[in-house]
Amino acid sequence: MYDGEFYNTVTQQMQLYDVGMSSMVVADAEALAELAEVIERPLESLMLRARAALIRKQIATNLWDADLYTFTNLFANGTLYPRISPTSFYALMADASTDEQADVMTSEWLLNPQRFCVSKDWPLGNSDDCYWGLPSINAQDPAFPPLGYWRGYVWGPMAQLTYWSLQRYDRVPSVRTGRKALCTQMKAMGMNMWNANRHICENFSPHKNATECTGTKFYHWGALTLFINFIEEGYYTYL
């Protein structure tokens, strides 16, 4: 997703308006605002909610690609970047999407067996190459077939953030379907490695025939592929 000549070596900044990062800033501001209210700091809460609202509006205005039916990153020259990863779904976590956008985005990308390979009929519907679903770059991208660290492997933190994003739009039937299917596949993937090797992977191969982790073999955030199921089944609730 970050391939290209858009790193400014003078300022040492990436010249890319990043939908995932921007959406996480919104979620961060909202969480801090809630904490500020709990400790009775209303001015800070107002400031943080204003920050979240401003960035949310900018995401909605600037980062929706009407041709690709998804949120995506934006170059400094005003053109949208067509290489899509699950970070596009984080716009839902920021509440920057309309219900219609969330619906078409889920149908065209998340539930597409050629892209992010999440299937309500899993294990039916997916190829062996994209069997477990939610690769870190969409399976139609040229970076996917050779695979690599952030070039198609499946990551627990990305699954968790995508889950939270989908959870926010539970009122949209296709999004709800996608969230539940994501939980099913991530649980199966995590348990597959646990049962075979007693490993919790830093990252996972999306291939059906993968027999070992593709990163560190016992890594805390790999368990997030399973943790989302605890949330889904009601065993974990937010205070």
Protein backbone atom coordinates (compact mmCIF):
# COMPACT_ATOMS: atom_id res chain seq x y z
CA MET A 1 0.00 0.00 0.00
CA TYR A 2 2.93 2.34 0.62
CA ASP A 3 4.85 1.51 -2.55
CA GLY A 4 5.62 4.61 -4.60
CA GLU A 5 7.63 7.81 -4.70
CA PHE A 6 5.82 9.93 -2.14
CA TYR A 7 8.28 10.11 0.72
CA ASN A 8 9.74 13.60 1.18
CA THR A 9 13.40 13.15 2.10
CA VAL A 10 13.72 16.82 3.12
CA THR A 11 10.83 16.96 5.61
CA GLN A 12 11.04 13.22 6.31
CA GLN A 13 7.28 12.97 5.94
CA MET A 14 5.12 10.73 3.81
CA GLN A 15 3.19 12.86 1.33
CA LEU A 16 0.05 10.77 1.59
CA TYR A 17 -3.28 11.52 3.24
CA ASP A 18 -3.74 8.17 4.96
CA VAL A 19 -7.30 6.99 5.63
CA GLY A 20 -6.25 4.43 8.24
CA MET A 21 -4.09 6.79 10.27
CA SER A 22 -6.64 9.60 10.04
CA SER A 23 -9.43 7.31 11.18
CA MET A 24 -7.41 6.12 14.16
CA VAL A 25 -6.80 9.75 15.17
CA VAL A 26 -10.59 10.21 15.24
CA ALA A 27 -11.06 7.07 17.36
CA ASP A 28 -8.26 8.20 19.67
CA ALA A 29 -9.80 11.64 20.14
CA GLU A 30 -13.21 10.16 20.91
CA ALA A 31 -11.76 7.75 23.49
CA LEU A 32 -9.79 10.53 25.17
CA ALA A 33 -12.93 12.70 25.22
CA GLU A 34 -14.80 9.97 27.09
CA LEU A 35 -11.98 9.72 29.61
CA ALA A 36 -11.93 13.50 30.02
CA GLU A 37 -15.63 13.44 30.86
CA VAL A 38 -15.12 10.71 33.45
CA ILE A 39 -12.51 12.79 35.27
CA GLU A 40 -14.64 15.94 34.89
CA ARG A 41 -12.50 17.89 32.45
CA PRO A 42 -15.25 19.19 30.11
CA LEU A 43 -13.14 21.70 28.20
CA GLU A 44 -10.68 19.02 27.13
CA SER A 45 -13.59 16.79 26.14
CA LEU A 46 -15.09 19.51 23.95
CA MET A 47 -11.75 20.16 22.29
CA LEU A 48 -11.20 16.46 21.58
CA ARG A 49 -14.71 15.95 20.19
CA ALA A 50 -14.25 19.00 17.96
CA ARG A 51 -10.99 17.52 16.69
CA ALA A 52 -12.70 14.19 15.96
CA ALA A 53 -15.59 15.91 14.15
CA LEU A 54 -13.25 17.97 11.97
CA ILE A 55 -11.10 15.02 10.89
CA ARG A 56 -14.18 12.83 10.38
CA LYS A 57 -15.63 15.43 8.01
CA GLN A 58 -12.36 15.67 6.10
CA ILE A 59 -12.21 11.89 5.66
CA ALA A 60 -15.78 11.83 4.38
CA THR A 61 -15.15 14.74 2.02
CA ASN A 62 -11.76 13.78 0.61
CA LEU A 63 -11.10 10.05 0.84
CA TRP A 64 -14.10 8.30 -0.72
CA ASP A 65 -13.32 6.86 -4.17
CA ALA A 66 -16.63 6.73 -6.04
CA ASP A 67 -15.08 4.62 -8.81
CA LEU A 68 -13.63 1.95 -6.54
CA TYR A 69 -16.49 2.08 -3.98
CA THR A 70 -14.17 2.43 -1.02
CA PHE A 71 -12.27 4.90 1.11
CA THR A 72 -8.63 5.16 0.17
CA ASN A 73 -5.51 7.25 0.54
CA LEU A 74 -4.94 10.57 -1.23
CA PHE A 75 -1.76 11.88 -2.84
CA ALA A 76 -0.64 15.46 -2.34
CA ASN A 77 -1.54 16.16 -5.99
CA GLY A 78 -5.20 15.38 -5.27
CA THR A 79 -5.38 11.94 -6.87
CA LEU A 80 -6.66 8.90 -4.98
CA TYR A 81 -4.43 5.87 -4.49
CA PRO A 82 -5.90 2.66 -5.96
CA ARG A 83 -3.96 0.13 -3.84
CA ILE A 84 -6.42 -0.98 -1.17
CA SER A 85 -5.74 -2.59 2.20
CA PRO A 86 -8.04 -3.30 5.18
CA THR A 87 -7.14 0.13 6.56
CA SER A 88 -9.82 1.48 4.21
CA PHE A 89 -12.42 -0.01 6.56
CA TYR A 90 -11.11 2.09 9.45
CA ALA A 91 -13.17 4.97 8.05
CA LEU A 92 -16.15 3.14 9.58
CA MET A 93 -14.45 3.21 12.98
CA ALA A 94 -14.26 6.99 12.52
CA ASP A 95 -17.98 7.08 11.65
CA ALA A 96 -17.03 8.86 8.42
CA SER A 97 -19.15 6.68 6.14
CA THR A 98 -22.77 6.79 5.11
CA ASP A 99 -24.72 3.54 5.49
CA GLU A 100 -24.81 3.25 1.70
CA GLN A 101 -21.05 3.60 1.44
CA ALA A 102 -20.51 1.06 4.21
CA ASP A 103 -22.81 -1.39 2.43
CA VAL A 104 -21.21 -1.16 -1.01
CA MET A 105 -17.70 -1.12 0.43
CA THR A 106 -18.36 -4.30 2.41
CA SER A 107 -19.98 -6.04 -0.54
CA GLU A 108 -17.39 -4.98 -3.12
CA TRP A 109 -14.28 -5.50 -1.00
CA LEU A 110 -14.64 -7.38 2.29
CA LEU A 111 -17.07 -10.05 1.06
CA ASN A 112 -15.42 -10.32 -2.35
CA PRO A 113 -13.54 -13.66 -2.68
CA GLN A 114 -11.13 -12.03 -5.12
CA ARG A 115 -10.20 -9.18 -2.75
CA PHE A 116 -10.42 -9.64 1.03
CA CYS A 117 -11.91 -13.09 0.91
CA VAL A 118 -14.33 -12.95 3.86
CA SER A 119 -17.26 -15.26 3.17
CA LYS A 120 -20.52 -15.84 5.00
CA ASP A 121 -20.36 -19.40 3.60
CA TRP A 122 -16.78 -20.05 4.66
CA PRO A 123 -14.95 -22.36 4.11
CA LEU A 124 -16.75 -22.30 0.78
CA GLY A 125 -16.12 -19.53 -1.68
CA ASN A 126 -12.42 -18.79 -1.19
CA SER A 127 -9.41 -19.94 -3.17
CA ASP A 128 -6.67 -21.84 -1.36
CA ASP A 129 -4.40 -18.80 -1.80
CA CYS A 130 -6.75 -16.45 0.09
CA TYR A 131 -8.40 -19.06 2.29
CA TRP A 132 -8.28 -17.41 5.73
CA GLY A 133 -9.23 -13.92 4.58
CA LEU A 134 -8.32 -10.30 5.37
CA PRO A 135 -4.85 -10.22 3.78
CA SER A 136 -2.97 -7.00 4.41
CA ILE A 137 -3.22 -6.06 0.74
CA ASN A 138 -6.20 -7.01 -1.40
CA ALA A 139 -5.72 -10.33 -3.19
CA GLN A 140 -6.07 -8.73 -6.64
CA ASP A 141 -3.06 -6.48 -6.00
CA PRO A 142 0.19 -7.52 -7.74
CA ALA A 143 1.92 -7.47 -4.33
CA PHE A 144 -0.28 -10.30 -3.05
CA PRO A 145 0.89 -13.43 -4.92
CA PRO A 146 4.53 -13.34 -3.69
CA LEU A 147 3.39 -12.35 -0.20
CA GLY A 148 5.60 -10.68 2.40
CA TYR A 149 5.60 -8.94 5.75
CA TRP A 150 2.87 -6.34 5.08
CA ARG A 151 2.31 -7.62 1.54
CA GLY A 152 -0.54 -10.05 2.07
CA TYR A 153 0.07 -11.67 5.44
CA VAL A 154 -2.81 -11.61 7.93
CA TRP A 155 -2.33 -9.58 11.12
CA GLY A 156 -4.14 -9.68 14.46
CA PRO A 157 -4.11 -5.89 15.04
CA MET A 158 -5.59 -5.33 11.58
CA ALA A 159 -8.31 -7.89 12.32
CA GLN A 160 -9.10 -6.15 15.63
CA LEU A 161 -9.30 -2.67 14.08
CA THR A 162 -11.38 -3.94 11.17
CA TYR A 163 -13.70 -5.69 13.61
CA TRP A 164 -14.21 -2.49 15.62
CA SER A 165 -14.85 -0.62 12.38
CA LEU A 166 -17.51 -3.06 11.23
CA GLN A 167 -19.03 -3.19 14.70
CA ARG A 168 -19.83 0.52 14.52
CA TYR A 169 -22.11 -0.08 11.50
CA ASP A 170 -23.98 -3.09 12.86
CA ARG A 171 -27.21 -1.50 11.65
CA VAL A 172 -26.17 -2.27 8.04
CA PRO A 173 -26.99 -5.94 7.28
CA SER A 174 -24.06 -6.56 4.93
CA VAL A 175 -21.63 -5.08 7.44
CA ARG A 176 -23.03 -7.25 10.22
CA THR A 177 -22.65 -10.29 7.98
CA GLY A 178 -19.07 -9.34 7.18
CA ARG A 179 -18.20 -8.86 10.83
CA LYS A 180 -19.54 -12.25 11.87
CA ALA A 181 -17.82 -13.96 8.95
CA LEU A 182 -14.55 -12.23 9.80
CA CYS A 183 -14.78 -13.59 13.35
CA THR A 184 -15.38 -17.11 12.07
CA GLN A 185 -12.38 -17.05 9.76
CA MET A 186 -9.96 -15.38 12.17
CA LYS A 187 -10.88 -17.84 14.92
CA ALA A 188 -10.38 -20.78 12.59
CA MET A 189 -7.03 -19.42 11.42
CA GLY A 190 -5.78 -18.77 14.96
CA MET A 191 -6.93 -22.13 16.27
CA ASN A 192 -5.42 -23.89 13.26
CA MET A 193 -1.94 -22.74 14.28
CA TRP A 194 -2.59 -23.27 17.98
CA ASN A 195 -3.82 -26.82 17.52
CA ALA A 196 -1.01 -27.71 15.12
CA ASN A 197 1.96 -26.08 16.86
CA ARG A 198 0.77 -24.30 20.04
CA HIS A 199 1.86 -21.05 18.34
CA ILE A 200 0.30 -17.58 18.42
CA CYS A 201 1.63 -15.93 15.30
CA GLU A 202 2.94 -12.42 14.82
CA ASN A 203 1.34 -12.76 11.39
CA PHE A 204 -0.26 -15.56 9.41
CA SER A 205 -0.14 -16.75 5.83
CA PRO A 206 -3.53 -16.44 4.08
CA HIS A 207 -2.89 -19.77 2.31
CA LYS A 208 -4.96 -22.80 3.26
CA ASN A 209 -1.96 -25.11 3.34
CA ALA A 210 0.16 -22.91 5.64
CA THR A 211 1.67 -25.08 8.37
CA GLU A 212 3.58 -22.47 10.38
CA CYS A 213 3.60 -18.79 11.34
CA THR A 214 5.07 -16.34 8.86
CA GLY A 215 6.56 -14.20 11.65
CA THR A 216 7.50 -14.68 15.29
CA LYS A 217 5.89 -17.87 16.59
CA PHE A 218 4.63 -16.61 19.93
CA TYR A 219 3.56 -12.99 19.76
CA HIS A 220 0.99 -11.24 21.88
CA TRP A 221 -1.04 -9.47 19.21
CA GLY A 222 -1.59 -12.63 17.21
CA ALA A 223 -4.16 -13.53 19.86
CA LEU A 224 -6.34 -10.66 18.66
CA THR A 225 -7.52 -12.97 15.86
CA LEU A 226 -9.19 -14.94 18.65
CA PHE A 227 -10.02 -12.08 20.99
CA ILE A 228 -12.53 -10.57 18.57
CA ASN A 229 -14.61 -13.70 19.07
CA PHE A 230 -14.73 -13.10 22.83
CA ILE A 231 -16.15 -9.65 22.10
CA GLU A 232 -18.58 -11.03 19.52
CA GLU A 233 -19.88 -13.70 21.90
CA GLY A 234 -20.35 -11.25 24.76
CA TYR A 235 -17.57 -12.50 27.04
CA TYR A 236 -15.89 -9.09 27.02
CA THR A 237 -17.69 -5.81 27.47
CA TYR A 238 -16.46 -2.24 27.61
CA LEU A 239 -16.68 -0.57 31.00
